[in-house]
């Protein structure tokens, strides 16, 4: 008698625990609705930002007829050979996204990043980081700071015009 009562009690408790109570199992977006304003906006901006990055990568891949990691690596090498390190970095990143195990793409990406870092002033370098991430406004701010500090930096002026025209 005691064993069957214990089994019934255990089953009842398990059933109660398994039934979702109000507030449990709800969509996590509800948390953002009740959080400080700005958090939900920031989450939505990140989702939009990720989509824009993916779309930009897809557009560049179509433009260059990139079908696999090796194709993206070749395009990156073309830019690297012309000294256009920023564009080379983008295509090395695409090669890595397509095939994360592509060791050659990783090595060339690291090499290009080191060259970029060594050859560019800090504001310009930071601007290019923002630009690659799709954060145009921050990139523009950094380029303006670079031009204020180094008025003769023609590369920063050209990149500023390029970004503003997009």
C-alpha atoms as a PDB file:
ATOM      1  CA  UNK A   1       0.000   0.000   0.000  1.00  0.00           C
ATOM      2  CA  UNK A   2       2.731   2.438   0.966  1.00  0.00           C
ATOM      3  CA  UNK A   3       4.728   1.667  -2.202  1.00  0.00           C
ATOM      4  CA  UNK A   4       1.785   2.271  -4.538  1.00  0.00           C
ATOM      5  CA  UNK A   5       0.972   5.515  -2.712  1.00  0.00           C
ATOM      6  CA  UNK A   6       4.617   6.577  -3.056  1.00  0.00           C
ATOM      7  CA  UNK A   7       4.617   5.740  -6.785  1.00  0.00           C
ATOM      8  CA  UNK A   8       1.366   7.678  -7.340  1.00  0.00           C
ATOM      9  CA  UNK A   9       2.779  10.668  -5.451  1.00  0.00           C
ATOM     10  CA  UNK A  10       6.027  10.573  -7.439  1.00  0.00           C
ATOM     11  CA  UNK A  11       4.187  10.355 -10.754  1.00  0.00           C
ATOM     12  CA  UNK A  12       1.912  13.235  -9.743  1.00  0.00           C
ATOM     13  CA  UNK A  13       4.856  15.415  -8.771  1.00  0.00           C
ATOM     14  CA  UNK A  14       6.646  14.634 -12.020  1.00  0.00           C
ATOM     15  CA  UNK A  15       3.537  15.466 -14.018  1.00  0.00           C
ATOM     16  CA  UNK A  16       3.196  18.790 -12.227  1.00  0.00           C
ATOM     17  CA  UNK A  17       6.841  19.639 -12.843  1.00  0.00           C
ATOM     18  CA  UNK A  18       6.600  18.772 -16.507  1.00  0.00           C
ATOM     19  CA  UNK A  19       3.560  20.971 -17.162  1.00  0.00           C
ATOM     20  CA  UNK A  20       4.827  24.441 -18.085  1.00  0.00           C
ATOM     21  CA  UNK A  21       3.730  27.050 -15.648  1.00  0.00           C
ATOM     22  CA  UNK A  22       2.875  30.575 -16.642  1.00  0.00           C
ATOM     23  CA  UNK A  23       6.068  32.426 -17.450  1.00  0.00           C
ATOM     24  CA  UNK A  24       8.114  29.305 -18.090  1.00  0.00           C
ATOM     25  CA  UNK A  25       8.967  28.195 -21.586  1.00  0.00           C
ATOM     26  CA  UNK A  26       7.914  31.496 -23.082  1.00  0.00           C
ATOM     27  CA  UNK A  27       9.723  33.106 -25.965  1.00  0.00           C
ATOM     28  CA  UNK A  28      12.892  34.842 -24.797  1.00  0.00           C
ATOM     29  CA  UNK A  29      11.907  37.958 -26.725  1.00  0.00           C
ATOM     30  CA  UNK A  30       9.456  38.721 -23.939  1.00  0.00           C
ATOM     31  CA  UNK A  31      12.423  39.355 -21.677  1.00  0.00           C
ATOM     32  CA  UNK A  32      13.630  42.063 -24.032  1.00  0.00           C
ATOM     33  CA  UNK A  33      10.213  43.718 -24.111  1.00  0.00           C
ATOM     34  CA  UNK A  34      10.381  44.233 -20.363  1.00  0.00           C
ATOM     35  CA  UNK A  35      14.055  45.065 -20.157  1.00  0.00           C
ATOM     36  CA  UNK A  36      15.533  48.543 -20.355  1.00  0.00           C
ATOM     37  CA  UNK A  37      14.708  50.320 -23.561  1.00  0.00           C
ATOM     38  CA  UNK A  38      17.533  50.059 -25.979  1.00  0.00           C
ATOM     39  CA  UNK A  39      18.403  46.439 -25.264  1.00  0.00           C
ATOM     40  CA  UNK A  40      15.739  45.154 -27.643  1.00  0.00           C
ATOM     41  CA  UNK A  41      16.712  47.802 -30.166  1.00  0.00           C
ATOM     42  CA  UNK A  42      20.338  46.705 -29.901  1.00  0.00           C
ATOM     43  CA  UNK A  43      19.382  43.055 -30.398  1.00  0.00           C
ATOM     44  CA  UNK A  44      17.333  43.961 -33.471  1.00  0.00           C
ATOM     45  CA  UNK A  45      20.167  46.087 -34.840  1.00  0.00           C
ATOM     46  CA  UNK A  46      22.550  43.144 -34.457  1.00  0.00           C
ATOM     47  CA  UNK A  47      20.132  40.867 -36.334  1.00  0.00           C
ATOM     48  CA  UNK A  48      19.826  43.457 -39.121  1.00  0.00           C
ATOM     49  CA  UNK A  49      23.579  43.917 -39.109  1.00  0.00           C
ATOM     50  CA  UNK A  50      24.194  40.172 -39.445  1.00  0.00           C
ATOM     51  CA  UNK A  51      21.756  39.971 -42.342  1.00  0.00           C
ATOM     52  CA  UNK A  52      23.389  42.955 -44.082  1.00  0.00           C
ATOM     53  CA  UNK A  53      26.817  41.346 -43.687  1.00  0.00           C
ATOM     54  CA  UNK A  54      25.583  38.072 -45.103  1.00  0.00           C
ATOM     55  CA  UNK A  55      23.887  39.870 -47.999  1.00  0.00           C
ATOM     56  CA  UNK A  56      27.021  41.892 -48.734  1.00  0.00           C
ATOM     57  CA  UNK A  57      29.116  38.716 -48.728  1.00  0.00           C
ATOM     58  CA  UNK A  58      26.643  36.957 -51.040  1.00  0.00           C
ATOM     59  CA  UNK A  59      26.674  39.922 -53.427  1.00  0.00           C
ATOM     60  CA  UNK A  60      30.471  39.944 -53.554  1.00  0.00           C
ATOM     61  CA  UNK A  61      30.540  36.196 -54.094  1.00  0.00           C
ATOM     62  CA  UNK A  62      28.131  36.499 -57.034  1.00  0.00           C
ATOM     63  CA  UNK A  63      30.132  39.378 -58.496  1.00  0.00           C
ATOM     64  CA  UNK A  64      33.308  37.269 -58.490  1.00  0.00           C
ATOM     65  CA  UNK A  65      31.635  33.939 -59.314  1.00  0.00           C
ATOM     66  CA  UNK A  66      32.868  32.439 -56.069  1.00  0.00           C
ATOM     67  CA  UNK A  67      31.631  28.896 -55.592  1.00  0.00           C
ATOM     68  CA  UNK A  68      34.021  27.566 -52.988  1.00  0.00           C
ATOM     69  CA  UNK A  69      36.704  28.544 -50.501  1.00  0.00           C
ATOM     70  CA  UNK A  70      39.504  28.195 -53.070  1.00  0.00           C
ATOM     71  CA  UNK A  71      37.781  30.725 -55.369  1.00  0.00           C
ATOM     72  CA  UNK A  72      37.492  33.265 -52.538  1.00  0.00           C
ATOM     73  CA  UNK A  73      41.132  32.661 -51.644  1.00  0.00           C
ATOM     74  CA  UNK A  74      42.194  33.363 -55.246  1.00  0.00           C
ATOM     75  CA  UNK A  75      40.270  36.655 -55.303  1.00  0.00           C
ATOM     76  CA  UNK A  76      41.847  37.608 -51.974  1.00  0.00           C
ATOM     77  CA  UNK A  77      45.269  36.839 -53.457  1.00  0.00           C
ATOM     78  CA  UNK A  78      44.542  39.127 -56.430  1.00  0.00           C
ATOM     79  CA  UNK A  79      43.735  42.009 -54.098  1.00  0.00           C
ATOM     80  CA  UNK A  80      46.702  41.181 -51.892  1.00  0.00           C
ATOM     81  CA  UNK A  81      48.999  41.230 -54.930  1.00  0.00           C
ATOM     82  CA  UNK A  82      47.697  44.661 -55.900  1.00  0.00           C
ATOM     83  CA  UNK A  83      48.358  45.931 -52.380  1.00  0.00           C
ATOM     84  CA  UNK A  84      44.651  46.322 -51.590  1.00  0.00           C
ATOM     85  CA  UNK A  85      44.909  44.648 -48.228  1.00  0.00           C
ATOM     86  CA  UNK A  86      41.443  45.672 -46.972  1.00  0.00           C
ATOM     87  CA  UNK A  87      39.715  43.896 -49.843  1.00  0.00           C
ATOM     88  CA  UNK A  88      42.042  40.909 -49.557  1.00  0.00           C
ATOM     89  CA  UNK A  89      41.030  40.547 -45.914  1.00  0.00           C
ATOM     90  CA  UNK A  90      37.343  40.512 -46.849  1.00  0.00           C
ATOM     91  CA  UNK A  91      37.840  37.679 -49.330  1.00  0.00           C
ATOM     92  CA  UNK A  92      40.034  35.712 -46.951  1.00  0.00           C
ATOM     93  CA  UNK A  93      37.206  36.019 -44.421  1.00  0.00           C
ATOM     94  CA  UNK A  94      34.732  34.745 -47.015  1.00  0.00           C
ATOM     95  CA  UNK A  95      37.036  31.802 -47.751  1.00  0.00           C
ATOM     96  CA  UNK A  96      37.121  30.995 -44.038  1.00  0.00           C
ATOM     97  CA  UNK A  97      33.330  31.280 -43.729  1.00  0.00           C
ATOM     98  CA  UNK A  98      32.869  28.870 -46.619  1.00  0.00           C
ATOM     99  CA  UNK A  99      35.432  26.391 -45.287  1.00  0.00           C
ATOM    100  CA  UNK A 100      36.529  26.997 -41.686  1.00  0.00           C
ATOM    101  CA  UNK A 101      39.151  24.245 -42.024  1.00  0.00           C
ATOM    102  CA  UNK A 102      40.990  26.056 -44.852  1.00  0.00           C
ATOM    103  CA  UNK A 103      44.347  26.549 -43.128  1.00  0.00           C
ATOM    104  CA  UNK A 104      45.790  28.532 -46.040  1.00  0.00           C
ATOM    105  CA  UNK A 105      42.944  31.069 -45.821  1.00  0.00           C
ATOM    106  CA  UNK A 106      43.524  31.451 -42.078  1.00  0.00           C
ATOM    107  CA  UNK A 107      47.265  31.992 -42.573  1.00  0.00           C
ATOM    108  CA  UNK A 108      46.770  34.539 -45.352  1.00  0.00           C
ATOM    109  CA  UNK A 109      44.088  36.325 -43.327  1.00  0.00           C
ATOM    110  CA  UNK A 110      46.411  36.643 -40.332  1.00  0.00           C
ATOM    111  CA  UNK A 111      49.263  37.814 -42.557  1.00  0.00           C
ATOM    112  CA  UNK A 112      47.075  40.430 -44.243  1.00  0.00           C
ATOM    113  CA  UNK A 113      45.715  41.644 -40.888  1.00  0.00           C
ATOM    114  CA  UNK A 114      49.249  42.056 -39.536  1.00  0.00           C
ATOM    115  CA  UNK A 115      50.294  44.021 -42.617  1.00  0.00           C
ATOM    116  CA  UNK A 116      47.205  46.191 -42.347  1.00  0.00           C
ATOM    117  CA  UNK A 117      47.830  46.844 -38.663  1.00  0.00           C
ATOM    118  CA  UNK A 118      51.513  47.697 -39.224  1.00  0.00           C
ATOM    119  CA  UNK A 119      50.879  50.005 -42.178  1.00  0.00           C
ATOM    120  CA  UNK A 120      47.853  51.954 -41.079  1.00  0.00           C
ATOM    121  CA  UNK A 121      47.311  54.628 -38.454  1.00  0.00           C
ATOM    122  CA  UNK A 122      45.164  53.535 -35.529  1.00  0.00           C
ATOM    123  CA  UNK A 123      42.034  55.537 -36.469  1.00  0.00           C
ATOM    124  CA  UNK A 124      42.162  54.302 -40.038  1.00  0.00           C
ATOM    125  CA  UNK A 125      42.686  50.725 -38.877  1.00  0.00           C
ATOM    126  CA  UNK A 126      39.727  51.000 -36.485  1.00  0.00           C
ATOM    127  CA  UNK A 127      37.607  52.530 -39.248  1.00  0.00           C
ATOM    128  CA  UNK A 128      38.341  49.560 -41.482  1.00  0.00           C
ATOM    129  CA  UNK A 129      37.349  47.186 -38.677  1.00  0.00           C
ATOM    130  CA  UNK A 130      34.020  48.981 -38.302  1.00  0.00           C
ATOM    131  CA  UNK A 131      33.501  49.076 -42.054  1.00  0.00           C
ATOM    132  CA  UNK A 132      34.107  45.335 -42.415  1.00  0.00           C
ATOM    133  CA  UNK A 133      31.526  44.744 -39.709  1.00  0.00           C
ATOM    134  CA  UNK A 134      29.009  46.928 -41.538  1.00  0.00           C
ATOM    135  CA  UNK A 135      29.132  49.735 -38.968  1.00  0.00           C
ATOM    136  CA  UNK A 136      29.354  52.605 -41.433  1.00  0.00           C
ATOM    137  CA  UNK A 137      28.658  55.468 -39.016  1.00  0.00           C
ATOM    138  CA  UNK A 138      31.425  54.407 -36.639  1.00  0.00           C
ATOM    139  CA  UNK A 139      33.782  53.906 -39.583  1.00  0.00           C
ATOM    140  CA  UNK A 140      33.008  57.427 -40.792  1.00  0.00           C
ATOM    141  CA  UNK A 141      33.661  58.854 -37.308  1.00  0.00           C
ATOM    142  CA  UNK A 142      37.043  57.106 -37.136  1.00  0.00           C
ATOM    143  CA  UNK A 143      38.014  58.293 -40.625  1.00  0.00           C
ATOM    144  CA  UNK A 144      37.119  61.866 -39.699  1.00  0.00           C
ATOM    145  CA  UNK A 145      39.308  61.563 -36.582  1.00  0.00           C
ATOM    146  CA  UNK A 146      42.122  60.179 -38.741  1.00  0.00           C
ATOM    147  CA  UNK A 147      41.880  63.075 -41.196  1.00  0.00           C
ATOM    148  CA  UNK A 148      41.893  65.603 -38.340  1.00  0.00           C
ATOM    149  CA  UNK A 149      45.078  64.050 -36.936  1.00  0.00           C
ATOM    150  CA  UNK A 150      46.706  63.409 -40.335  1.00  0.00           C
ATOM    151  CA  UNK A 151      45.328  65.875 -42.893  1.00  0.00           C
ATOM    152  CA  UNK A 152      47.665  64.479 -45.575  1.00  0.00           C
ATOM    153  CA  UNK A 153      46.216  60.960 -45.347  1.00  0.00           C
ATOM    154  CA  UNK A 154      44.719  60.762 -48.826  1.00  0.00           C
ATOM    155  CA  UNK A 155      43.782  57.107 -48.401  1.00  0.00           C
ATOM    156  CA  UNK A 156      41.523  58.023 -45.454  1.00  0.00           C
ATOM    157  CA  UNK A 157      39.856  60.771 -47.511  1.00  0.00           C
ATOM    158  CA  UNK A 158      39.218  58.400 -50.403  1.00  0.00           C
ATOM    159  CA  UNK A 159      37.785  55.726 -48.120  1.00  0.00           C
ATOM    160  CA  UNK A 160      35.623  58.320 -46.347  1.00  0.00           C
ATOM    161  CA  UNK A 161      34.158  59.453 -49.674  1.00  0.00           C
ATOM    162  CA  UNK A 162      33.633  55.848 -50.706  1.00  0.00           C
ATOM    163  CA  UNK A 163      31.768  54.935 -47.520  1.00  0.00           C
ATOM    164  CA  UNK A 164      29.668  58.105 -47.501  1.00  0.00           C
ATOM    165  CA  UNK A 165      28.596  57.526 -51.090  1.00  0.00           C
ATOM    166  CA  UNK A 166      27.150  54.097 -50.284  1.00  0.00           C
END
